[in-house]
């Protein structure tokens, strides 16, 4: 999301920085306009990565880029981030713009990773296998 006070191109840069370099050319972001609580304009950017190899590469970059403390926090709170085969993460937008991957709560980038037909235990094992959590 890009709020009225933010440059949409910088928000797109932050989004692209989270993704692997070789995928940024192939992934297209859909853009839609929303209104905030005080009718301020908000631009919503969304994308879906359906290609399995691209999705795996994005997951691997996310896991590799997340710091040790964030991984520990995520590991401790993993059940709060899982729902019906989906892993929900909030990433710090400013850090992403600077090329770093960090968990964040204030005006974050919302990231949803869907695991087809996997139980909570299997998703946890996958997150451990890729070192997203300890």
N, C-alpha and C. Protein backbone atom coordinates (compact mmCIF):
# COMPACT_ATOMS: atom_id res chain seq x y z
N UNK A 1 0.83 -1.18 0.00
CA UNK A 1 0.00 0.00 0.00
C UNK A 1 0.87 1.25 0.00
N UNK A 2 0.48 2.19 -0.79
CA UNK A 2 1.15 3.48 -0.80
C UNK A 2 0.13 4.53 -0.35
N UNK A 3 0.40 5.14 0.76
CA UNK A 3 -0.48 6.19 1.27
C UNK A 3 -0.23 7.47 0.49
N UNK A 4 -1.10 8.46 0.68
CA UNK A 4 -1.01 9.72 -0.06
C UNK A 4 0.33 10.42 0.15
N UNK A 5 0.94 10.20 1.29
CA UNK A 5 2.21 10.86 1.60
C UNK A 5 3.42 10.08 1.07
N UNK A 6 3.18 8.93 0.46
CA UNK A 6 4.28 8.10 -0.02
C UNK A 6 4.37 8.13 -1.54
N UNK A 7 5.56 7.96 -2.05
CA UNK A 7 5.81 7.87 -3.48
C UNK A 7 5.53 6.42 -3.91
N UNK A 8 4.52 6.21 -4.77
CA UNK A 8 4.19 4.84 -5.20
C UNK A 8 5.37 4.09 -5.83
N UNK A 9 6.24 4.79 -6.53
CA UNK A 9 7.41 4.14 -7.13
C UNK A 9 8.38 3.62 -6.06
N UNK A 10 8.50 4.35 -4.97
CA UNK A 10 9.37 3.89 -3.88
C UNK A 10 8.76 2.67 -3.19
N UNK A 11 7.45 2.65 -3.08
CA UNK A 11 6.78 1.48 -2.50
C UNK A 11 6.98 0.26 -3.41
N UNK A 12 6.87 0.46 -4.72
CA UNK A 12 7.13 -0.63 -5.66
C UNK A 12 8.58 -1.11 -5.56
N UNK A 13 9.50 -0.19 -5.36
CA UNK A 13 10.91 -0.56 -5.18
C UNK A 13 11.05 -1.43 -3.94
N UNK A 14 10.39 -1.05 -2.86
CA UNK A 14 10.43 -1.85 -1.63
C UNK A 14 9.88 -3.26 -1.88
N UNK A 15 8.79 -3.35 -2.62
CA UNK A 15 8.21 -4.65 -2.93
C UNK A 15 9.16 -5.50 -3.77
N UNK A 16 9.76 -4.88 -4.77
CA UNK A 16 10.68 -5.61 -5.64
C UNK A 16 11.95 -6.04 -4.89
N UNK A 17 12.36 -5.26 -3.91
CA UNK A 17 13.56 -5.61 -3.14
C UNK A 17 13.38 -6.88 -2.32
N UNK A 18 12.15 -7.23 -2.00
CA UNK A 18 11.87 -8.44 -1.25
C UNK A 18 11.98 -9.68 -2.15
N UNK A 19 11.74 -9.48 -3.43
CA UNK A 19 11.72 -10.59 -4.38
C UNK A 19 13.11 -10.83 -4.97
N UNK A 20 13.37 -12.06 -5.42
CA UNK A 20 14.66 -12.34 -6.07
C UNK A 20 14.85 -11.47 -7.31
N UNK A 21 16.09 -11.07 -7.56
CA UNK A 21 16.40 -10.18 -8.68
C UNK A 21 15.90 -10.68 -10.02
N UNK A 22 16.07 -11.96 -10.29
CA UNK A 22 15.68 -12.48 -11.60
C UNK A 22 14.17 -12.59 -11.78
N UNK A 23 13.39 -12.37 -10.72
CA UNK A 23 11.93 -12.45 -10.85
C UNK A 23 11.27 -11.09 -10.99
N UNK A 24 11.99 -10.02 -10.69
CA UNK A 24 11.35 -8.70 -10.68
C UNK A 24 10.85 -8.28 -12.05
N UNK A 25 11.43 -8.81 -13.11
CA UNK A 25 10.98 -8.47 -14.46
C UNK A 25 9.71 -9.20 -14.84
N UNK A 26 9.50 -10.40 -14.29
CA UNK A 26 8.37 -11.24 -14.69
C UNK A 26 7.14 -11.05 -13.80
N UNK A 27 7.32 -10.51 -12.62
CA UNK A 27 6.19 -10.34 -11.71
C UNK A 27 5.55 -8.97 -11.94
N UNK A 28 4.25 -8.99 -12.14
CA UNK A 28 3.49 -7.78 -12.42
C UNK A 28 2.62 -7.46 -11.21
N UNK A 29 2.62 -6.20 -10.82
CA UNK A 29 1.80 -5.75 -9.70
C UNK A 29 0.53 -5.09 -10.22
N UNK A 30 -0.61 -5.56 -9.73
CA UNK A 30 -1.88 -4.92 -10.03
C UNK A 30 -2.03 -3.72 -9.11
N UNK A 31 -2.57 -2.65 -9.63
CA UNK A 31 -2.68 -1.40 -8.88
C UNK A 31 -4.16 -1.04 -8.78
N UNK A 32 -4.61 -0.73 -7.57
CA UNK A 32 -5.99 -0.28 -7.40
C UNK A 32 -6.04 0.85 -6.38
N UNK A 33 -7.02 1.71 -6.54
CA UNK A 33 -7.16 2.87 -5.67
C UNK A 33 -8.16 2.61 -4.56
N UNK A 34 -7.81 3.01 -3.38
CA UNK A 34 -8.67 2.89 -2.21
C UNK A 34 -8.76 4.24 -1.52
N UNK A 35 -9.69 4.36 -0.58
CA UNK A 35 -9.79 5.55 0.25
C UNK A 35 -9.54 5.17 1.69
N UNK A 36 -8.76 5.99 2.38
CA UNK A 36 -8.47 5.75 3.79
C UNK A 36 -9.61 6.23 4.67
N UNK A 37 -9.41 6.14 5.96
CA UNK A 37 -10.41 6.52 6.94
C UNK A 37 -10.88 7.96 6.76
N UNK A 38 -9.96 8.85 6.45
CA UNK A 38 -10.31 10.25 6.24
C UNK A 38 -10.41 10.59 4.75
N UNK A 39 -10.74 9.59 3.95
CA UNK A 39 -10.90 9.70 2.49
C UNK A 39 -9.59 10.06 1.77
N UNK A 40 -8.48 9.81 2.44
CA UNK A 40 -7.19 10.04 1.80
C UNK A 40 -6.93 8.92 0.78
N UNK A 41 -6.33 9.25 -0.35
CA UNK A 41 -6.10 8.23 -1.37
C UNK A 41 -5.01 7.24 -0.96
N UNK A 42 -5.28 5.96 -1.21
CA UNK A 42 -4.32 4.89 -0.95
C UNK A 42 -4.22 4.06 -2.22
N UNK A 43 -3.01 3.74 -2.63
CA UNK A 43 -2.79 2.88 -3.79
C UNK A 43 -2.40 1.50 -3.28
N UNK A 44 -3.15 0.50 -3.67
CA UNK A 44 -2.89 -0.88 -3.26
C UNK A 44 -2.19 -1.60 -4.40
N UNK A 45 -1.07 -2.24 -4.09
CA UNK A 45 -0.34 -3.05 -5.07
C UNK A 45 -0.47 -4.51 -4.65
N UNK A 46 -0.84 -5.36 -5.60
CA UNK A 46 -0.99 -6.78 -5.32
C UNK A 46 -0.36 -7.59 -6.44
N UNK A 47 0.15 -8.76 -6.06
CA UNK A 47 0.65 -9.70 -7.05
C UNK A 47 0.47 -11.11 -6.51
N UNK A 48 0.42 -12.04 -7.42
CA UNK A 48 0.38 -13.46 -7.08
C UNK A 48 1.47 -14.16 -7.86
N UNK A 49 2.21 -14.96 -7.18
CA UNK A 49 3.25 -15.75 -7.84
C UNK A 49 2.73 -17.18 -7.92
N UNK A 50 2.34 -17.60 -9.09
CA UNK A 50 1.78 -18.94 -9.26
C UNK A 50 2.83 -19.95 -9.71
N UNK A 51 3.88 -19.46 -10.37
CA UNK A 51 4.95 -20.35 -10.81
C UNK A 51 5.68 -20.90 -9.59
N UNK A 52 5.74 -22.20 -9.49
CA UNK A 52 6.31 -22.86 -8.31
C UNK A 52 7.78 -22.49 -8.07
N UNK A 53 8.57 -22.43 -9.14
CA UNK A 53 9.99 -22.09 -9.00
C UNK A 53 10.18 -20.65 -8.54
N UNK A 54 9.36 -19.73 -9.08
CA UNK A 54 9.45 -18.33 -8.65
C UNK A 54 9.02 -18.19 -7.19
N UNK A 55 7.96 -18.90 -6.82
CA UNK A 55 7.48 -18.83 -5.44
C UNK A 55 8.52 -19.39 -4.48
N UNK A 56 9.16 -20.48 -4.86
CA UNK A 56 10.20 -21.06 -4.01
C UNK A 56 11.39 -20.11 -3.89
N UNK A 57 11.78 -19.48 -5.00
CA UNK A 57 12.88 -18.53 -4.96
C UNK A 57 12.56 -17.35 -4.05
N UNK A 58 11.32 -16.86 -4.11
CA UNK A 58 10.91 -15.75 -3.25
C UNK A 58 10.93 -16.17 -1.78
N UNK A 59 10.46 -17.40 -1.50
CA UNK A 59 10.46 -17.91 -0.14
C UNK A 59 11.89 -18.06 0.38
N UNK A 60 12.78 -18.56 -0.48
CA UNK A 60 14.18 -18.73 -0.09
C UNK A 60 14.85 -17.38 0.20
N UNK A 61 14.54 -16.37 -0.62
CA UNK A 61 15.13 -15.04 -0.38
C UNK A 61 14.61 -14.46 0.93
N UNK A 62 13.33 -14.64 1.17
CA UNK A 62 12.73 -14.16 2.42
C UNK A 62 13.41 -14.82 3.62
N UNK A 63 13.56 -16.14 3.55
CA UNK A 63 14.18 -16.88 4.65
C UNK A 63 15.65 -16.48 4.84
N UNK A 64 16.36 -16.29 3.74
CA UNK A 64 17.78 -15.92 3.83
C UNK A 64 17.96 -14.49 4.34
N UNK A 65 17.03 -13.61 4.02
CA UNK A 65 17.17 -12.20 4.37
C UNK A 65 16.72 -11.82 5.75
N UNK A 66 15.87 -12.64 6.34
CA UNK A 66 15.34 -12.33 7.66
C UNK A 66 16.43 -12.54 8.72
N UNK A 67 16.56 -11.61 9.64
CA UNK A 67 17.58 -11.67 10.68
C UNK A 67 17.27 -12.71 11.75
N UNK A 68 18.28 -13.04 12.53
CA UNK A 68 18.17 -14.06 13.57
C UNK A 68 17.08 -13.74 14.58
N UNK A 69 17.03 -12.50 15.05
CA UNK A 69 16.03 -12.12 16.06
C UNK A 69 14.62 -12.21 15.49
N UNK A 70 14.43 -11.78 14.23
CA UNK A 70 13.12 -11.89 13.60
C UNK A 70 12.73 -13.35 13.42
N UNK A 71 13.69 -14.20 13.07
CA UNK A 71 13.41 -15.63 12.91
C UNK A 71 12.99 -16.26 14.24
N UNK A 72 13.67 -15.87 15.31
CA UNK A 72 13.30 -16.38 16.64
C UNK A 72 11.91 -15.92 17.03
N UNK A 73 11.62 -14.63 16.80
CA UNK A 73 10.30 -14.09 17.10
C UNK A 73 9.23 -14.81 16.30
N UNK A 74 9.47 -14.99 15.01
CA UNK A 74 8.52 -15.68 14.15
C UNK A 74 8.33 -17.12 14.60
N UNK A 75 9.42 -17.78 14.97
CA UNK A 75 9.33 -19.17 15.45
C UNK A 75 8.49 -19.27 16.71
N UNK A 76 8.65 -18.31 17.63
CA UNK A 76 7.88 -18.30 18.87
C UNK A 76 6.40 -17.99 18.64
N UNK A 77 6.12 -17.20 17.60
CA UNK A 77 4.73 -16.77 17.34
C UNK A 77 4.14 -17.41 16.09
N UNK A 78 4.74 -18.48 15.60
CA UNK A 78 4.34 -19.03 14.31
C UNK A 78 2.85 -19.35 14.23
N UNK A 79 2.27 -19.89 15.28
CA UNK A 79 0.85 -20.26 15.24
C UNK A 79 -0.05 -19.04 15.04
N UNK A 80 0.41 -17.87 15.45
CA UNK A 80 -0.36 -16.65 15.26
C UNK A 80 -0.29 -16.17 13.81
N UNK A 81 0.67 -16.69 13.04
CA UNK A 81 0.86 -16.29 11.66
C UNK A 81 0.31 -17.31 10.67
N UNK A 82 -0.20 -18.43 11.18
CA UNK A 82 -0.72 -19.49 10.31
C UNK A 82 -2.23 -19.57 10.39
N UNK A 83 -2.85 -19.74 9.22
CA UNK A 83 -4.29 -19.94 9.17
C UNK A 83 -4.64 -20.64 7.87
N UNK A 84 -5.24 -21.79 7.97
CA UNK A 84 -5.72 -22.58 6.82
C UNK A 84 -4.68 -22.71 5.70
N UNK A 85 -3.49 -23.13 6.04
CA UNK A 85 -2.46 -23.34 5.03
C UNK A 85 -1.79 -22.08 4.52
N UNK A 86 -2.05 -20.96 5.16
CA UNK A 86 -1.43 -19.69 4.78
C UNK A 86 -0.52 -19.19 5.89
N UNK A 87 0.63 -18.67 5.50
CA UNK A 87 1.54 -18.02 6.42
C UNK A 87 1.47 -16.53 6.14
N UNK A 88 1.07 -15.76 7.15
CA UNK A 88 0.93 -14.32 7.00
C UNK A 88 2.10 -13.62 7.69
N UNK A 89 2.76 -12.76 6.93
CA UNK A 89 3.88 -11.99 7.47
C UNK A 89 3.66 -10.51 7.19
N UNK A 90 4.18 -9.69 8.08
CA UNK A 90 4.20 -8.25 7.88
C UNK A 90 5.65 -7.83 7.87
N UNK A 91 6.04 -7.20 6.77
CA UNK A 91 7.44 -6.80 6.61
C UNK A 91 7.55 -5.29 6.63
N UNK A 92 8.62 -4.81 7.23
CA UNK A 92 8.86 -3.38 7.36
C UNK A 92 9.13 -2.77 5.98
N UNK A 93 8.28 -1.83 5.59
CA UNK A 93 8.36 -1.22 4.25
C UNK A 93 9.63 -0.39 4.07
N UNK A 94 10.00 0.38 5.07
CA UNK A 94 11.19 1.23 4.97
C UNK A 94 12.46 0.38 4.83
N UNK A 95 12.55 -0.68 5.63
CA UNK A 95 13.70 -1.59 5.53
C UNK A 95 13.75 -2.24 4.16
N UNK A 96 12.60 -2.66 3.65
CA UNK A 96 12.54 -3.29 2.33
C UNK A 96 13.02 -2.32 1.26
N UNK A 97 12.66 -1.06 1.39
CA UNK A 97 13.13 -0.05 0.43
C UNK A 97 14.66 0.05 0.45
N UNK A 98 15.23 -0.13 1.63
CA UNK A 98 16.69 -0.06 1.79
C UNK A 98 17.38 -1.40 1.48
N UNK A 99 16.58 -2.40 1.06
CA UNK A 99 17.15 -3.69 0.67
C UNK A 99 17.29 -4.70 1.79
N UNK A 100 16.65 -4.44 2.93
CA UNK A 100 16.74 -5.36 4.06
C UNK A 100 15.35 -5.95 4.33
N UNK A 101 15.34 -7.19 4.77
CA UNK A 101 14.07 -7.85 5.09
C UNK A 101 13.94 -7.94 6.60
N UNK A 102 12.90 -7.30 7.14
CA UNK A 102 12.64 -7.24 8.57
C UNK A 102 11.15 -7.37 8.81
N UNK A 103 10.78 -8.01 9.90
CA UNK A 103 9.38 -8.01 10.31
C UNK A 103 9.02 -6.61 10.76
N UNK A 104 7.78 -6.21 10.56
CA UNK A 104 7.35 -4.88 10.97
C UNK A 104 5.85 -4.83 11.17
N UNK A 105 5.40 -3.96 12.04
CA UNK A 105 3.98 -3.84 12.34
C UNK A 105 3.38 -2.52 11.87
N UNK A 106 4.18 -1.48 11.79
CA UNK A 106 3.67 -0.16 11.44
C UNK A 106 3.74 0.04 9.93
N UNK A 107 2.61 0.23 9.29
CA UNK A 107 2.51 0.42 7.85
C UNK A 107 3.35 -0.61 7.08
N UNK A 108 3.05 -1.90 7.30
CA UNK A 108 3.89 -2.94 6.72
C UNK A 108 3.50 -3.34 5.30
N UNK A 109 4.36 -4.15 4.71
CA UNK A 109 4.05 -4.87 3.48
C UNK A 109 3.45 -6.19 3.93
N UNK A 110 2.25 -6.47 3.49
CA UNK A 110 1.59 -7.72 3.86
C UNK A 110 2.01 -8.81 2.88
N UNK A 111 2.42 -9.91 3.42
CA UNK A 111 2.95 -11.01 2.63
C UNK A 111 2.18 -12.26 3.03
N UNK A 112 1.55 -12.94 2.07
CA UNK A 112 0.84 -14.19 2.35
C UNK A 112 1.45 -15.28 1.51
N UNK A 113 1.84 -16.35 2.18
CA UNK A 113 2.40 -17.50 1.50
C UNK A 113 1.44 -18.66 1.69
N UNK A 114 0.95 -19.18 0.57
CA UNK A 114 -0.02 -20.28 0.64
C UNK A 114 0.69 -21.61 0.41
N UNK A 115 0.46 -22.54 1.31
CA UNK A 115 0.99 -23.89 1.19
C UNK A 115 -0.17 -24.82 0.86
N UNK A 116 -0.19 -25.33 -0.35
CA UNK A 116 -1.29 -26.19 -0.78
C UNK A 116 -1.28 -27.51 -0.01
N UNK A 117 -2.44 -27.82 0.55
CA UNK A 117 -2.68 -29.11 1.20
C UNK A 117 -1.61 -29.50 2.21
N UNK A 118 -1.20 -28.56 3.04
CA UNK A 118 -0.22 -28.86 4.08
C UNK A 118 -0.84 -28.58 5.44
N UNK A 119 -0.56 -29.48 6.38
CA UNK A 119 -1.01 -29.27 7.75
C UNK A 119 -0.10 -28.24 8.42
N UNK A 120 -0.51 -27.79 9.58
CA UNK A 120 0.29 -26.84 10.35
C UNK A 120 1.67 -27.41 10.65
N UNK A 121 1.72 -28.70 10.98
CA UNK A 121 2.99 -29.35 11.29
C UNK A 121 3.89 -29.38 10.06
N UNK A 122 3.31 -29.64 8.89
CA UNK A 122 4.10 -29.68 7.66
C UNK A 122 4.62 -28.29 7.29
N UNK A 123 3.79 -27.26 7.47
CA UNK A 123 4.23 -25.89 7.18
C UNK A 123 5.36 -25.50 8.13
N UNK A 124 5.23 -25.86 9.40
CA UNK A 124 6.29 -25.60 10.37
C UNK A 124 7.59 -26.28 9.94
N UNK A 125 7.50 -27.53 9.52
CA UNK A 125 8.69 -28.27 9.07
C UNK A 125 9.32 -27.62 7.84
N UNK A 126 8.50 -27.14 6.91
CA UNK A 126 9.02 -26.46 5.71
C UNK A 126 9.73 -25.17 6.12
N UNK A 127 9.13 -24.42 7.03
CA UNK A 127 9.75 -23.17 7.50
C UNK A 127 11.09 -23.46 8.18
N UNK A 128 11.17 -24.56 8.92
CA UNK A 128 12.43 -24.94 9.55
C UNK A 128 13.44 -25.41 8.51
N UNK A 129 12.98 -26.17 7.53
CA UNK A 129 13.86 -26.69 6.48
C UNK A 129 14.53 -25.55 5.71
N UNK A 130 13.76 -24.49 5.41
CA UNK A 130 14.30 -23.35 4.67
C UNK A 130 14.91 -22.29 5.58
N UNK A 131 14.95 -22.59 6.88
CA UNK A 131 15.54 -21.73 7.89
C UNK A 131 14.83 -20.37 8.01
N UNK A 132 13.52 -20.39 7.79
CA UNK A 132 12.73 -19.20 8.06
C UNK A 132 12.55 -19.03 9.56
N UNK A 133 12.50 -20.19 10.25
CA UNK A 133 12.42 -20.20 11.71
C UNK A 133 13.50 -21.17 12.21
N UNK A 134 13.96 -20.97 13.47
CA UNK A 134 15.00 -21.88 14.01
C UNK A 134 14.46 -23.28 14.25
